Protein backbone atom coordinates (compact mmCIF):
# COMPACT_ATOMS: atom_id res chain seq x y z
CA MET A 1 7.18 72.24 -67.07
CA PHE A 2 8.89 68.90 -66.50
CA HIS A 3 5.89 67.89 -64.21
CA ILE A 4 3.05 69.06 -66.53
CA PHE A 5 4.81 67.10 -69.30
CA GLN A 6 4.68 63.93 -66.96
CA GLN A 7 1.10 64.28 -66.19
CA GLN A 8 0.14 64.62 -70.39
CA LEU A 9 2.47 61.47 -70.79
CA LYS A 10 0.06 59.84 -68.07
CA LEU A 11 -3.57 60.83 -69.30
CA PHE A 12 -2.42 59.93 -72.93
CA LEU A 13 -1.33 56.34 -71.69
CA LEU A 14 -4.70 56.12 -70.14
CA ILE A 15 -6.20 57.29 -73.15
CA ILE A 16 -4.61 54.68 -75.12
CA CYS A 17 -5.50 51.84 -73.38
CA TYR A 18 -8.86 52.91 -72.67
CA CYS A 19 -9.05 52.82 -76.47
CA PHE A 20 -7.73 49.62 -77.04
CA ASN A 21 -9.72 47.80 -73.81
CA PHE A 22 -5.91 47.30 -72.09
CA ILE A 23 -7.54 48.73 -69.15
CA ILE A 24 -7.36 45.63 -66.03
CA GLY A 25 -9.48 46.35 -62.58
CA SER A 26 -12.57 46.11 -60.90
CA PRO A 27 -15.98 47.42 -61.87
CA ASP A 28 -15.43 50.03 -59.69
CA GLN A 29 -12.28 50.88 -61.27
CA LEU A 30 -13.84 50.97 -64.35
CA ARG A 31 -17.03 52.98 -64.22
CA LEU A 32 -14.64 55.90 -62.26
CA LEU A 33 -12.39 55.89 -64.88
CA SER A 34 -15.17 56.00 -67.73
CA HIS A 35 -17.21 58.89 -65.85
CA LEU A 36 -13.83 60.73 -65.48
CA LEU A 37 -12.74 60.19 -69.39
CA ALA A 38 -16.96 61.60 -70.14
CA ASP A 39 -17.64 64.60 -72.07
CA ASN A 40 -17.97 67.48 -70.08
CA ARG A 41 -17.96 66.00 -66.60
CA TYR A 42 -13.83 66.63 -65.98
CA THR A 43 -12.69 69.89 -65.50
CA PRO A 44 -8.85 69.85 -64.34
CA MET A 45 -9.34 73.39 -63.29
CA ALA A 46 -12.55 72.52 -60.64
CA ARG A 47 -10.43 69.95 -58.86
CA PRO A 48 -11.04 70.42 -54.84
CA VAL A 49 -7.10 70.37 -54.57
CA GLN A 50 -4.24 71.79 -57.03
CA ASN A 51 -1.62 69.72 -55.19
CA ALA A 52 -1.39 66.54 -55.56
CA SER A 53 -0.43 65.85 -52.36
CA HIS A 54 -2.68 67.68 -50.32
CA THR A 55 -5.45 65.87 -48.32
CA LEU A 56 -8.69 65.57 -50.06
CA PRO A 57 -11.50 65.79 -47.43
CA VAL A 58 -14.41 63.41 -47.70
CA THR A 59 -17.89 63.78 -46.29
CA ILE A 60 -19.92 60.64 -46.36
CA ASN A 61 -23.55 60.10 -45.16
CA LEU A 62 -24.59 56.92 -43.78
CA SER A 63 -27.95 55.55 -42.85
CA LEU A 64 -28.77 52.64 -40.41
CA GLN A 65 -31.32 50.53 -41.78
CA GLN A 66 -33.83 47.71 -39.39
CA ILE A 67 -33.68 44.89 -40.66
CA ILE A 68 -34.52 42.05 -38.02
CA ASN A 69 -36.75 43.82 -35.82
CA PHE A 70 -37.39 41.13 -32.69
CA VAL A 71 -38.00 41.70 -28.90
CA ARG A 72 -35.99 38.21 -27.85
CA ILE A 73 -33.99 35.51 -28.44
CA ASN A 74 -35.05 31.95 -27.82
CA LEU A 75 -32.25 29.54 -27.79
CA THR A 76 -33.11 26.11 -28.59
CA ALA A 77 -31.38 22.64 -28.96
CA GLU A 78 -32.42 20.87 -32.07
CA SER A 79 -31.57 17.79 -30.41
CA SER A 80 -30.69 16.46 -27.00
CA GLN A 81 -27.10 15.16 -28.30
CA GLY A 82 -24.36 17.08 -29.43
CA GLN A 83 -22.76 16.87 -32.77
CA LEU A 84 -19.94 14.77 -33.07
CA ASP A 85 -19.09 14.97 -37.12
CA ALA A 86 -15.88 16.09 -36.38
CA TYR A 87 -14.69 14.35 -33.22
CA VAL A 88 -11.47 12.73 -32.94
CA LYS A 89 -10.99 9.78 -31.02
CA SER A 90 -8.07 10.11 -27.99
CA ALA A 91 -5.96 7.28 -26.94
CA GLN A 92 -5.96 9.10 -23.33
CA TRP A 93 -9.83 9.50 -22.87
CA ASP A 94 -13.50 8.04 -23.92
CA LEU A 95 -16.12 10.25 -24.86
CA GLU A 96 -19.11 8.64 -22.69
CA ASP A 97 -21.29 11.31 -23.39
CA PHE A 98 -22.34 14.55 -24.91
CA SER A 99 -25.88 15.64 -24.28
CA ALA A 100 -27.48 19.22 -24.67
CA THR A 101 -30.14 20.26 -22.80
CA ASN A 102 -32.98 23.69 -23.19
CA ASN A 103 -32.68 25.62 -20.24
CA SER A 104 -33.79 29.29 -18.96
CA THR A 105 -32.46 31.27 -16.09
CA LYS A 106 -33.96 34.79 -14.56
CA TYR A 107 -31.75 37.39 -13.31
CA ASP A 108 -32.60 39.61 -10.09
CA CYS A 109 -32.01 42.72 -12.10
CA CYS A 110 -35.25 42.34 -14.23
CA PRO A 111 -38.18 39.69 -14.79
CA THR A 112 -37.07 38.71 -18.44
CA VAL A 113 -36.16 35.08 -18.42
CA TYR A 114 -33.47 34.33 -20.54
CA PRO A 115 -32.78 30.73 -22.49
CA TYR A 116 -29.63 29.01 -22.95
CA VAL A 117 -28.38 25.61 -24.13
CA LEU A 118 -26.47 23.39 -21.55
CA TYR A 119 -24.11 21.23 -23.50
CA THR A 120 -22.38 18.53 -20.86
CA ILE A 121 -19.47 16.42 -21.92
CA ARG A 122 -18.59 13.57 -19.82
CA MET A 123 -15.44 11.79 -20.64
CA ARG A 124 -13.44 9.10 -18.95
CA ARG A 125 -10.06 8.18 -19.04
CA ARG A 126 -8.31 4.91 -20.68
CA SER A 127 -7.26 2.56 -17.12
CA LEU A 128 -5.37 -0.04 -19.10
CA TYR A 129 -2.42 2.08 -19.40
CA TYR A 130 -2.26 2.12 -15.98
CA VAL A 131 -3.23 -1.54 -14.92
CA ILE A 132 -0.45 -2.66 -16.68
CA ASN A 133 2.35 -0.13 -15.93
CA ILE A 134 1.22 1.12 -12.43
CA ILE A 135 -1.32 -1.41 -11.12
CA VAL A 136 -0.19 -4.73 -11.79
CA PRO A 137 3.77 -3.75 -10.63
CA CYS A 138 2.12 -2.25 -7.02
CA PHE A 139 0.30 -4.97 -6.43
CA LEU A 140 3.41 -8.08 -7.35
CA ILE A 141 5.18 -5.74 -4.63
CA SER A 142 2.35 -5.67 -2.15
CA CYS A 143 2.27 -9.36 -2.16
CA MET A 144 6.13 -9.31 -1.21
CA THR A 145 4.54 -7.59 1.48
CA ILE A 146 2.39 -10.03 2.22
CA LEU A 147 5.17 -13.09 1.88
CA GLY A 148 7.37 -11.17 4.01
CA PHE A 149 5.30 -12.68 6.62
CA LEU A 150 6.41 -16.38 5.89
CA LEU A 151 9.85 -15.32 6.33
CA SER A 152 11.41 -16.79 9.55
CA PRO A 153 13.20 -13.65 12.11
CA ASP A 154 16.19 -15.74 12.93
CA SER A 155 17.05 -15.11 8.79
CA GLY A 156 17.53 -11.63 10.07
CA GLU A 157 16.00 -9.70 6.59
CA LYS A 158 12.30 -9.85 7.64
CA LEU A 159 12.07 -6.33 8.29
CA THR A 160 14.78 -5.46 5.81
CA LEU A 161 12.34 -7.00 3.01
CA GLN A 162 9.22 -5.29 4.80
CA ILE A 163 10.99 -1.75 4.41
CA THR A 164 12.37 -1.86 0.70
CA THR A 165 8.57 -3.21 0.11
CA LEU A 166 7.25 0.09 1.62
CA LEU A 167 9.76 2.28 -0.35
CA SER A 168 8.78 0.56 -3.46
CA VAL A 169 5.42 1.66 -3.27
CA VAL A 170 6.27 5.20 -2.34
CA MET A 171 8.36 5.09 -5.62
CA PHE A 172 5.54 4.11 -7.36
CA SER A 173 3.08 6.84 -6.08
CA LEU A 174 5.61 9.60 -6.71
CA LEU A 175 5.36 8.47 -10.40
CA LEU A 176 1.54 8.37 -10.13
CA ALA A 177 1.35 11.68 -8.76
CA GLU A 178 3.68 12.98 -11.59
CA ILE A 179 1.13 11.81 -14.49
CA LEU A 180 -2.36 12.31 -13.37
CA PRO A 181 -3.34 16.29 -12.78
CA PRO A 182 -2.61 18.05 -9.38
CA SER A 183 -6.26 18.34 -8.07
CA SER A 184 -8.18 18.78 -4.90
CA THR A 185 -11.65 18.74 -5.69
CA ALA A 186 -11.70 14.91 -6.84
CA ILE A 187 -9.51 11.50 -5.64
CA PRO A 188 -8.71 9.27 -8.62
CA ILE A 189 -9.58 5.70 -8.21
CA ILE A 190 -5.98 4.77 -8.46
CA THR A 191 -4.33 7.38 -5.97
CA VAL A 192 -7.14 5.68 -3.06
CA TYR A 193 -5.78 2.07 -3.96
CA PHE A 194 -1.94 3.55 -3.24
CA THR A 195 -2.68 5.12 -0.33
CA CYS A 196 -4.55 2.16 0.93
CA VAL A 197 -0.94 -0.11 0.28
CA MET A 198 1.34 2.79 1.19
CA VAL A 199 -0.77 2.12 4.39
CA MET A 200 -0.83 -1.46 4.69
CA SER A 201 3.19 -1.94 3.90
CA ALA A 202 3.69 0.90 6.96
CA VAL A 203 1.62 -1.33 8.95
CA THR A 204 3.45 -4.35 8.03
CA VAL A 205 6.68 -2.64 8.87
CA VAL A 206 5.08 -2.10 12.69
CA ALA A 207 3.75 -5.67 13.05
CA SER A 208 7.35 -6.99 11.79
CA VAL A 209 9.01 -5.19 14.77
CA ILE A 210 6.32 -6.43 16.84
CA ILE A 211 7.00 -9.79 15.98
CA LEU A 212 10.76 -9.56 16.27
CA SER A 213 10.72 -8.44 20.13
CA LEU A 214 8.43 -11.15 20.61
CA HIS A 215 10.26 -13.75 19.41
CA PHE A 216 13.42 -12.85 20.58
CA ARG A 217 12.36 -12.71 24.39
CA ASN A 218 13.25 -14.74 27.03
CA SER A 219 12.16 -15.59 30.80
CA ARG A 220 14.94 -13.79 32.40
CA ASN A 221 13.49 -10.53 31.21
CA TYR A 222 10.10 -10.90 30.56
CA THR A 223 7.18 -12.91 32.15
CA MET A 224 4.72 -13.99 29.87
CA ARG A 225 1.09 -13.11 30.85
CA SER A 226 -1.78 -15.94 31.33
CA TRP A 227 -4.02 -14.21 28.60
CA VAL A 228 -1.24 -14.62 26.32
CA ARG A 229 -1.02 -18.69 26.65
CA LYS A 230 -4.61 -18.63 26.75
CA TYR A 231 -5.99 -16.58 23.79
CA ILE A 232 -2.80 -16.78 21.51
CA CYS A 233 -0.81 -19.83 22.34
CA ASN A 234 -4.48 -21.61 22.40
CA TYR A 235 -7.51 -20.36 20.97
CA LEU A 236 -5.86 -18.05 18.25
CA ALA A 237 -3.29 -20.76 17.46
CA TRP A 238 -6.57 -23.62 16.53
CA LEU A 239 -8.26 -21.24 14.91
CA LEU A 240 -5.29 -20.64 12.36
CA ARG A 241 -5.01 -24.45 12.31
CA MET A 242 -1.25 -24.07 13.81
CA LYS A 243 0.65 -27.23 14.97
CA ARG A 244 3.38 -27.57 17.79
CA PRO A 245 5.94 -30.79 18.53
CA HIS A 246 4.92 -32.30 21.38
CA HIS A 247 1.60 -30.19 22.51
CA ASP A 248 -2.34 -30.66 21.16
CA LEU A 249 -3.80 -28.35 20.15
CA SER A 250 -7.21 -29.79 19.15
CA TRP A 251 -10.62 -27.77 20.12
CA HIS A 252 -11.19 -31.13 22.53
CA ALA A 253 -7.81 -30.41 24.22
CA ILE A 254 -7.80 -26.76 25.18
CA ARG A 255 -11.54 -26.20 25.57
CA PRO A 256 -11.81 -28.02 29.30
CA ARG A 257 -8.92 -26.35 30.69
CA TRP A 258 -9.72 -22.65 30.11
CA VAL A 259 -13.43 -23.18 30.24
CA SER A 260 -13.75 -23.01 34.59
CA PRO A 261 -12.35 -20.17 35.98
CA LYS A 262 -10.96 -22.31 39.34
CA GLN A 263 -9.11 -24.63 36.51
CA GLU A 264 -8.28 -21.83 35.49
CA SER A 265 -6.68 -19.99 38.41
CA ASN A 266 -4.96 -23.40 39.12
CA ASN A 267 -3.52 -23.06 36.07
CA ILE A 268 -1.63 -19.55 36.62
CA ASN A 269 -0.39 -20.59 39.67
CA GLY A 270 0.86 -23.68 38.79
CA PRO A 271 3.86 -24.45 36.69
CA ILE A 272 4.41 -23.30 33.00
CA GLY A 273 4.19 -26.15 31.59
CA ASN A 274 0.32 -26.91 32.57
CA TYR A 275 -0.66 -24.60 30.35
CA HIS A 276 -0.46 -26.61 27.37
CA SER A 277 -1.57 -29.78 26.46
CA LYS A 278 1.89 -31.33 26.43
CA ILE A 279 2.33 -34.55 25.15
CA PRO A 280 4.33 -36.95 27.63
CA SER A 281 8.04 -36.95 26.52
CA GLU A 282 11.36 -38.03 27.71
CA PRO A 283 12.50 -35.61 30.13
CA LEU A 284 16.19 -34.26 30.25
CA SER A 285 17.39 -35.79 33.49
CA ASN A 286 16.01 -38.47 35.73
CA ASN A 287 15.58 -38.43 39.46
CA LYS A 288 18.34 -40.68 39.78
CA PHE A 289 20.94 -42.13 38.99
CA GLU A 290 22.38 -45.90 38.88
CA LEU A 291 26.04 -46.09 40.05
CA SER A 292 26.19 -50.32 39.91
CA SER A 293 23.65 -52.87 38.85
CA THR A 294 23.11 -53.16 43.16
CA ASN A 295 23.82 -49.59 44.46
CA VAL A 296 21.30 -46.42 43.70
CA ILE A 297 22.20 -42.81 44.69
CA ASN A 298 18.77 -41.13 44.81
CA VAL A 299 19.47 -36.71 43.89
CA ASP A 300 15.50 -36.15 43.85
CA LYS A 301 14.69 -33.33 46.12
CA GLU A 302 14.87 -36.11 49.34
CA PRO A 303 18.47 -35.50 50.79
CA LEU A 304 21.12 -37.17 48.97
CA GLU A 305 21.88 -40.38 50.70
CA PHE A 306 24.12 -43.55 49.72
CA SER A 307 22.81 -47.01 50.08
CA VAL A 308 24.33 -50.05 50.71
CA SER A 309 22.40 -53.35 49.24
CA SER A 310 22.89 -56.89 51.17
CA ALA A 311 25.08 -58.18 48.66
CA MET A 312 27.25 -55.14 49.64
CA LYS A 313 27.16 -56.46 53.13
CA ILE A 314 27.95 -59.87 52.53
CA HIS A 315 30.73 -58.63 50.84
CA ASP A 316 31.91 -56.48 53.11
CA SER A 317 31.44 -59.30 56.05
CA ARG A 318 34.14 -61.63 53.67
CA TYR A 319 36.30 -58.67 53.28
CA HIS A 320 35.83 -58.35 57.45
CA GLN A 321 37.51 -61.81 57.62
CA ASN A 322 40.45 -61.01 55.67
CA THR A 323 41.39 -57.42 56.27
CA SER A 324 41.16 -55.06 59.84
CA ASN A 325 39.00 -53.14 60.89
CA GLU A 326 40.63 -50.43 61.07
CA LEU A 327 41.42 -50.64 57.24
CA TYR A 328 37.99 -51.11 56.44
CA THR A 329 36.56 -48.04 58.66
CA CYS A 330 39.29 -45.63 56.75
CA ASP A 331 38.47 -47.21 52.88
CA MET A 332 34.83 -46.48 53.51
CA GLU A 333 35.42 -43.05 54.48
CA MET A 334 37.29 -42.53 51.85
CA ILE A 335 34.36 -44.25 49.17
CA ARG A 336 31.84 -42.32 50.65
CA SER A 337 33.55 -38.42 50.48
CA GLU A 338 34.44 -39.09 47.08
CA LEU A 339 30.86 -40.42 46.71
CA ARG A 340 29.28 -37.52 48.32
CA ALA A 341 31.86 -34.82 46.00
CA ILE A 342 30.71 -36.82 42.80
CA ILE A 343 26.82 -36.51 44.20
CA SER A 344 26.85 -32.77 45.05
CA GLN A 345 28.49 -31.98 41.16
CA LEU A 346 25.89 -34.07 39.82
CA ALA A 347 23.11 -32.21 41.47
CA ILE A 348 25.01 -28.79 40.10
CA LEU A 349 24.36 -30.51 36.97
CA ILE A 350 21.04 -31.55 37.34
CA ASN A 351 19.65 -27.61 38.99
CA TYR A 352 21.28 -25.87 35.35
CA SER A 353 19.80 -28.69 33.07
CA ARG A 354 16.72 -28.22 34.89
CA GLN A 355 17.01 -24.56 34.75
CA LYS A 356 18.46 -24.18 31.49
CA GLU A 357 15.57 -26.64 29.87
CA LYS A 358 12.97 -24.10 31.78
CA ASP A 359 14.66 -20.73 30.10
CA ASP A 360 14.31 -23.27 26.90
CA ASN A 361 10.83 -23.74 27.19
CA GLU A 362 10.19 -20.14 28.21
CA SER A 363 11.74 -18.63 24.73
CA GLN A 364 9.96 -21.47 22.80
CA GLU A 365 7.10 -19.87 24.22
CA TRP A 366 7.60 -16.59 23.15
CA GLN A 367 8.81 -18.16 19.58
CA PHE A 368 5.40 -19.68 19.28
CA VAL A 369 3.65 -16.56 20.50
CA ALA A 370 5.72 -14.92 17.59
CA MET A 371 4.76 -17.34 15.00
CA VAL A 372 1.18 -17.12 15.83
CA ILE A 373 1.39 -13.29 15.61
CA ASP A 374 3.06 -13.73 12.26
CA ARG A 375 0.38 -16.05 10.75
CA PHE A 376 -2.56 -14.08 11.98
CA CYS A 377 -0.67 -10.81 10.16
CA LEU A 378 -0.16 -13.20 6.66
CA VAL A 379 -3.79 -13.73 7.02
CA VAL A 380 -5.27 -10.55 7.70
CA PHE A 381 -3.33 -8.60 5.25
CA ALA A 382 -3.86 -10.94 2.53
CA ILE A 383 -7.33 -10.99 3.04
CA VAL A 384 -7.24 -6.88 3.28
CA MET A 385 -5.05 -7.04 -0.21
CA LEU A 386 -7.11 -9.13 -1.97
CA LEU A 387 -10.22 -6.79 -0.74
CA PHE A 388 -8.47 -3.70 -1.47
CA THR A 389 -7.51 -4.94 -5.77
CA VAL A 390 -10.84 -6.53 -6.47
CA LEU A 391 -12.60 -2.82 -5.38
CA THR A 392 -9.95 -1.28 -7.61
CA PHE A 393 -11.00 -3.17 -10.52
CA LEU A 394 -14.49 -3.51 -9.92
CA ASN A 395 -14.71 0.76 -9.95
CA VAL A 396 -12.25 1.06 -12.69
């Protein structure tokens, strides 16, 4: 009974709303309501279902109508350039080209040719950030590698500087690897530059080790080859415009010595000092020692002898007149024995001084070889470093 009253109340409210035009809805809803409230069209007893909770089956008949009739689609681009109306500029990339081309392809499965439009987008990474924050610091560190060849091996920091520079370049390479996207299809220019600088820094470490090994060599452990003196101490030193005290390294001085094979063989068999144009200087030790204004002792390669001058003989004759012969003989023998002892000690000192001078000259030869190699590495690595940097900036 209550259910019937509720339905009648709803129907009454709908009639009142319709009469006063209070119904708000879509045109389809209004049309349905007017159709239901029309006379002789709505019969409550002829409802499809008796209960409102039951499912109402609805059958809809649809028919397809072909609006467009075509055999194939031909895709063509209206312009050779893409539209950049909605493009937003990036701080990291530059859009260099955005082109469209008409192409077609044919598959093996069917003879039909399928046209398509190919859009090509070419972008370029902005290089200012990498130049300021990576390339310039790496270039300055690489210059420290070149300046390491100007550092003296005696300072003890030559190899340390080269290794520190190599570690700095490796650190910058790791930072660069984190910034750049990982790719194996193409190698960026900046990666090539860092690889070249890293290889150059590693080679400088090897060159520094070789230079230090040559610098601290001596004649007791190593013998200098003749080609080292010829090509490094003479020709290469002349080419690098190097100077050496008490040595003439000009072309007119070194050329005649090595142009003849016979003279070259003579120089190989000769002493060490003959391989250079050595400017005459005062030797370390003379070949004779003057004991007095009238007595001279010769200590050269000849046997050691003591000669008495005529003035000494006159003095001895006068001494004979005042003293006996036995006393004179005893005194002369004592003087001669003392002189022989002094002469033997002086000969030892002379031989030691000559050997030390020879060893020092040989050590100076090795140090000069290391200096020439150091200067050669400085020039070569400076040229290579400048070449790498110029090529990198030209390709940016």
